[in-house]
Amino acid sequence: MHTSTSARTAPAVTSTNRYRWRVVDIVVAAVLGVAVGLVFWGWNAVGGLWFAAMDGLTPGLGGIAVGIWLIGGVIGGLIIRKPGAALLVELIAAVVSALIGNMWGPLTIVSGLAQGLGAELIFLAFLYLRFSLPVAMLAGVGAGVGAWVNELFVGSSPNIAKTVEFNLTYLGTLVVSGALLAGLVGWLLVRALAATGALSRFAAGREARRDV
């Protein structure tokens, strides 16, 4: 009788633990956020030039360069796998980028919030249970949509004042860039990091060992 009761209650305990943040989760989220923030800082010059060049060809096409700025939420969600992880890592990265200094200033933090929320909603839709490549790419798309919605209303020149053609083109390129540069690249980076053993305390690391 005692064994049967334990068996019935075990899933509930496991489910609760799955969503509970550990100290290591918080520490890793902070480290990831800072690391990704440094990536953002480096991408500000390269991505900014790419964005301007593509937008010069066709207004709205610059969105194809945005994906790297969306990668924090994808990586955070894939590694930590807890509610709020995608949002937190993207937000910390945005804060780091803003503190180091860039052309957007504090608006970077607002962008990070919108982008992180977009990725977070995708992981939430799968109840934080699925972390495959398609889910990672969808999270990148969600972050891109978050960026698109934010830029409709925020900034020195909100996109809502621009043409429908521009906004549809920009949305399309953000979706593609989010799926590839944030989703696919983020998933590959997590797999590579897991293969080194650095993620041994996370499900992503244990999965990598099983796949070897």
Protein backbone atom coordinates (compact mmCIF):
# COMPACT_ATOMS: atom_id res chain seq x y z
CA MET A 1 0.00 0.00 0.00
CA HIS A 2 2.83 2.39 0.86
CA THR A 3 4.60 1.66 -2.44
CA SER A 4 1.44 2.31 -4.43
CA THR A 5 0.91 5.68 -2.75
CA SER A 6 4.49 6.72 -3.47
CA ALA A 7 4.09 5.74 -7.08
CA ARG A 8 0.97 7.87 -7.37
CA THR A 9 2.54 10.94 -5.78
CA ALA A 10 5.91 10.75 -7.53
CA PRO A 11 4.75 12.32 -10.81
CA ALA A 12 3.37 15.36 -8.97
CA VAL A 13 6.67 15.87 -7.17
CA THR A 14 8.58 15.47 -10.41
CA SER A 15 6.32 17.99 -12.15
CA THR A 16 6.80 20.50 -9.34
CA ASN A 17 10.57 20.09 -9.41
CA ARG A 18 10.61 20.55 -13.17
CA TYR A 19 9.35 24.11 -12.86
CA ARG A 20 11.19 25.08 -9.66
CA TRP A 21 14.27 27.24 -10.10
CA ARG A 22 17.49 25.98 -8.48
CA VAL A 23 20.42 28.14 -7.45
CA VAL A 24 22.41 26.75 -10.38
CA ASP A 25 19.63 27.80 -12.75
CA ILE A 26 19.80 31.39 -11.52
CA VAL A 27 23.59 31.49 -11.73
CA VAL A 28 23.67 29.99 -15.23
CA ALA A 29 20.92 32.37 -16.41
CA ALA A 30 23.03 35.30 -15.23
CA VAL A 31 26.20 33.95 -16.85
CA LEU A 32 24.38 33.23 -20.11
CA GLY A 33 22.81 36.69 -20.07
CA VAL A 34 26.19 38.39 -19.67
CA ALA A 35 27.81 36.19 -22.33
CA VAL A 36 25.01 36.79 -24.81
CA GLY A 37 25.09 40.51 -23.98
CA LEU A 38 28.72 40.56 -25.08
CA VAL A 39 27.71 38.80 -28.29
CA PHE A 40 25.04 41.48 -28.80
CA TRP A 41 27.67 44.18 -28.29
CA GLY A 42 29.89 42.62 -30.94
CA TRP A 43 26.95 42.14 -33.30
CA ASN A 44 25.90 45.78 -32.94
CA ALA A 45 28.56 46.82 -35.47
CA VAL A 46 28.41 43.83 -37.84
CA GLY A 47 24.65 43.38 -37.70
CA GLY A 48 24.07 47.10 -37.87
CA LEU A 49 26.02 47.38 -41.10
CA TRP A 50 24.28 44.34 -42.55
CA PHE A 51 20.90 45.72 -41.53
CA ALA A 52 21.60 49.07 -43.20
CA ALA A 53 22.89 47.42 -46.38
CA MET A 54 19.88 45.12 -46.75
CA ASP A 55 17.43 47.90 -45.88
CA GLY A 56 19.10 50.01 -48.55
CA LEU A 57 18.27 47.36 -51.14
CA THR A 58 14.64 46.99 -50.06
CA PRO A 59 13.09 48.74 -47.06
CA GLY A 60 12.27 46.12 -44.45
CA LEU A 61 14.82 43.61 -45.70
CA GLY A 62 17.18 44.60 -42.91
CA GLY A 63 15.28 42.31 -40.57
CA ILE A 64 17.32 39.43 -41.96
CA ALA A 65 20.24 40.61 -39.80
CA VAL A 66 18.29 40.79 -36.54
CA GLY A 67 18.34 37.09 -35.57
CA ILE A 68 21.54 37.20 -33.52
CA TRP A 69 19.93 39.81 -31.26
CA LEU A 70 17.13 37.30 -30.61
CA ILE A 71 19.31 34.36 -29.63
CA GLY A 72 19.41 34.91 -25.85
CA GLY A 73 15.84 33.78 -25.26
CA VAL A 74 16.31 30.66 -27.35
CA ILE A 75 19.52 29.61 -25.60
CA GLY A 76 18.14 30.39 -22.14
CA GLY A 77 14.99 28.40 -22.77
CA LEU A 78 16.81 25.42 -24.26
CA ILE A 79 19.33 25.14 -21.42
CA ILE A 80 17.43 26.08 -18.26
CA ARG A 81 13.98 24.83 -19.30
CA LYS A 82 12.13 26.67 -16.56
CA PRO A 83 9.34 29.27 -16.75
CA GLY A 84 10.85 32.68 -17.32
CA ALA A 85 14.29 31.46 -18.43
CA ALA A 86 14.00 32.67 -22.03
CA LEU A 87 12.73 36.07 -20.95
CA LEU A 88 15.34 36.46 -18.20
CA VAL A 89 18.40 35.59 -20.32
CA GLU A 90 17.32 37.84 -23.20
CA LEU A 91 16.58 40.68 -20.79
CA ILE A 92 19.93 40.38 -18.97
CA ALA A 93 21.71 40.32 -22.32
CA ALA A 94 19.88 43.48 -23.38
CA VAL A 95 20.80 45.22 -20.13
CA VAL A 96 24.46 44.27 -20.58
CA SER A 97 24.42 45.55 -24.17
CA ALA A 98 22.83 48.82 -23.05
CA LEU A 99 25.30 49.29 -20.17
CA ILE A 100 28.32 48.71 -22.41
CA GLY A 101 26.88 51.26 -24.80
CA ASN A 102 25.13 51.21 -28.14
CA MET A 103 23.16 53.53 -30.40
CA TRP A 104 19.78 52.52 -28.97
CA GLY A 105 20.50 53.14 -25.28
CA PRO A 106 17.78 52.21 -22.77
CA LEU A 107 15.42 51.20 -25.61
CA THR A 108 17.61 48.09 -25.91
CA ILE A 109 16.14 46.89 -22.62
CA VAL A 110 12.59 47.37 -23.89
CA SER A 111 13.52 45.40 -27.01
CA GLY A 112 15.03 42.63 -24.89
CA LEU A 113 11.83 42.41 -22.87
CA ALA A 114 9.66 42.10 -25.99
CA GLN A 115 11.98 39.62 -27.71
CA GLY A 116 12.42 37.49 -24.62
CA LEU A 117 8.68 37.40 -24.06
CA GLY A 118 8.14 36.26 -27.65
CA ALA A 119 10.49 33.31 -27.17
CA GLU A 120 9.08 32.58 -23.71
CA LEU A 121 5.54 32.22 -25.04
CA ILE A 122 6.67 29.50 -27.45
CA PHE A 123 8.27 27.42 -24.69
CA LEU A 124 5.14 28.00 -22.59
CA ALA A 125 2.95 26.76 -25.46
CA PHE A 126 4.81 23.44 -25.21
CA LEU A 127 4.54 23.51 -21.39
CA TYR A 128 8.35 23.56 -21.13
CA LEU A 129 8.41 19.90 -22.16
CA ARG A 130 9.74 20.00 -25.73
CA PHE A 131 13.11 21.43 -26.73
CA SER A 132 13.70 20.02 -30.19
CA LEU A 133 15.10 21.91 -33.17
CA PRO A 134 11.62 22.82 -34.48
CA VAL A 135 10.68 24.24 -31.07
CA ALA A 136 13.94 26.21 -30.95
CA MET A 137 13.23 27.64 -34.40
CA LEU A 138 9.69 28.53 -33.36
CA ALA A 139 11.10 30.28 -30.28
CA GLY A 140 13.33 32.29 -32.59
CA VAL A 141 10.29 33.18 -34.68
CA GLY A 142 8.42 34.17 -31.50
CA ALA A 143 11.28 36.45 -30.51
CA GLY A 144 11.22 37.98 -34.01
CA VAL A 145 7.49 38.65 -33.77
CA GLY A 146 8.07 40.21 -30.36
CA ALA A 147 10.67 42.51 -31.89
CA TRP A 148 8.28 43.42 -34.72
CA VAL A 149 5.43 44.31 -32.36
CA ASN A 150 7.75 46.34 -30.15
CA GLU A 151 9.13 48.34 -33.06
CA LEU A 152 5.64 49.13 -34.30
CA PHE A 153 5.19 51.43 -31.34
CA VAL A 154 8.58 52.08 -29.71
CA GLY A 155 11.54 54.12 -30.87
CA SER A 156 12.28 57.48 -32.45
CA SER A 157 10.51 56.38 -35.64
CA PRO A 158 7.82 53.76 -34.82
CA ASN A 159 7.13 51.41 -37.71
CA ILE A 160 3.37 51.88 -37.43
CA ALA A 161 3.89 55.17 -39.29
CA LYS A 162 5.53 53.33 -42.19
CA THR A 163 3.89 51.54 -45.12
CA VAL A 164 2.10 48.22 -44.92
CA GLU A 165 4.54 46.87 -47.49
CA PHE A 166 7.50 47.79 -45.29
CA ASN A 167 5.98 46.22 -42.20
CA LEU A 168 5.07 42.97 -43.96
CA THR A 169 8.54 42.73 -45.49
CA TYR A 170 10.14 43.45 -42.13
CA LEU A 171 7.96 40.85 -40.39
CA GLY A 172 8.83 38.23 -43.00
CA THR A 173 12.56 38.82 -42.70
CA LEU A 174 12.38 38.82 -38.89
CA VAL A 175 10.60 35.45 -39.01
CA VAL A 176 13.27 33.96 -41.29
CA SER A 177 16.15 35.48 -39.33
CA GLY A 178 14.63 34.43 -36.01
CA ALA A 179 14.16 30.85 -37.18
CA LEU A 180 17.69 30.54 -38.60
CA LEU A 181 20.06 32.90 -36.75
CA ALA A 182 18.33 32.60 -33.36
CA GLY A 183 16.59 29.21 -33.51
CA LEU A 184 18.90 27.01 -35.58
CA VAL A 185 22.17 28.66 -34.51
CA GLY A 186 21.02 28.77 -30.88
CA TRP A 187 20.11 25.07 -30.93
CA LEU A 188 23.48 24.17 -32.48
CA LEU A 189 25.34 26.25 -29.90
CA VAL A 190 23.53 24.53 -27.04
CA ARG A 191 24.29 21.12 -28.54
CA ALA A 192 27.97 22.04 -28.92
CA LEU A 193 28.14 23.36 -25.36
CA ALA A 194 26.41 20.25 -24.02
CA ALA A 195 28.90 18.01 -25.84
CA THR A 196 31.74 19.56 -23.81
CA GLY A 197 30.11 18.44 -20.54
CA ALA A 198 29.53 22.01 -19.38
CA LEU A 199 25.78 21.38 -19.07
CA SER A 200 26.02 18.16 -17.05
CA ARG A 201 23.62 19.52 -14.41
CA PHE A 202 20.96 20.25 -17.01
CA ALA A 203 18.68 18.05 -19.08
CA ALA A 204 20.29 19.44 -22.24
CA GLY A 205 23.63 18.02 -21.13
CA ARG A 206 22.20 14.63 -20.17
CA GLU A 207 20.46 14.36 -23.52
CA ALA A 208 23.74 15.08 -25.31
CA ARG A 209 25.44 12.23 -23.45
CA ARG A 210 22.64 9.83 -24.40
CA ASP A 211 22.99 10.80 -28.06
CA VAL A 212 26.72 10.02 -28.12
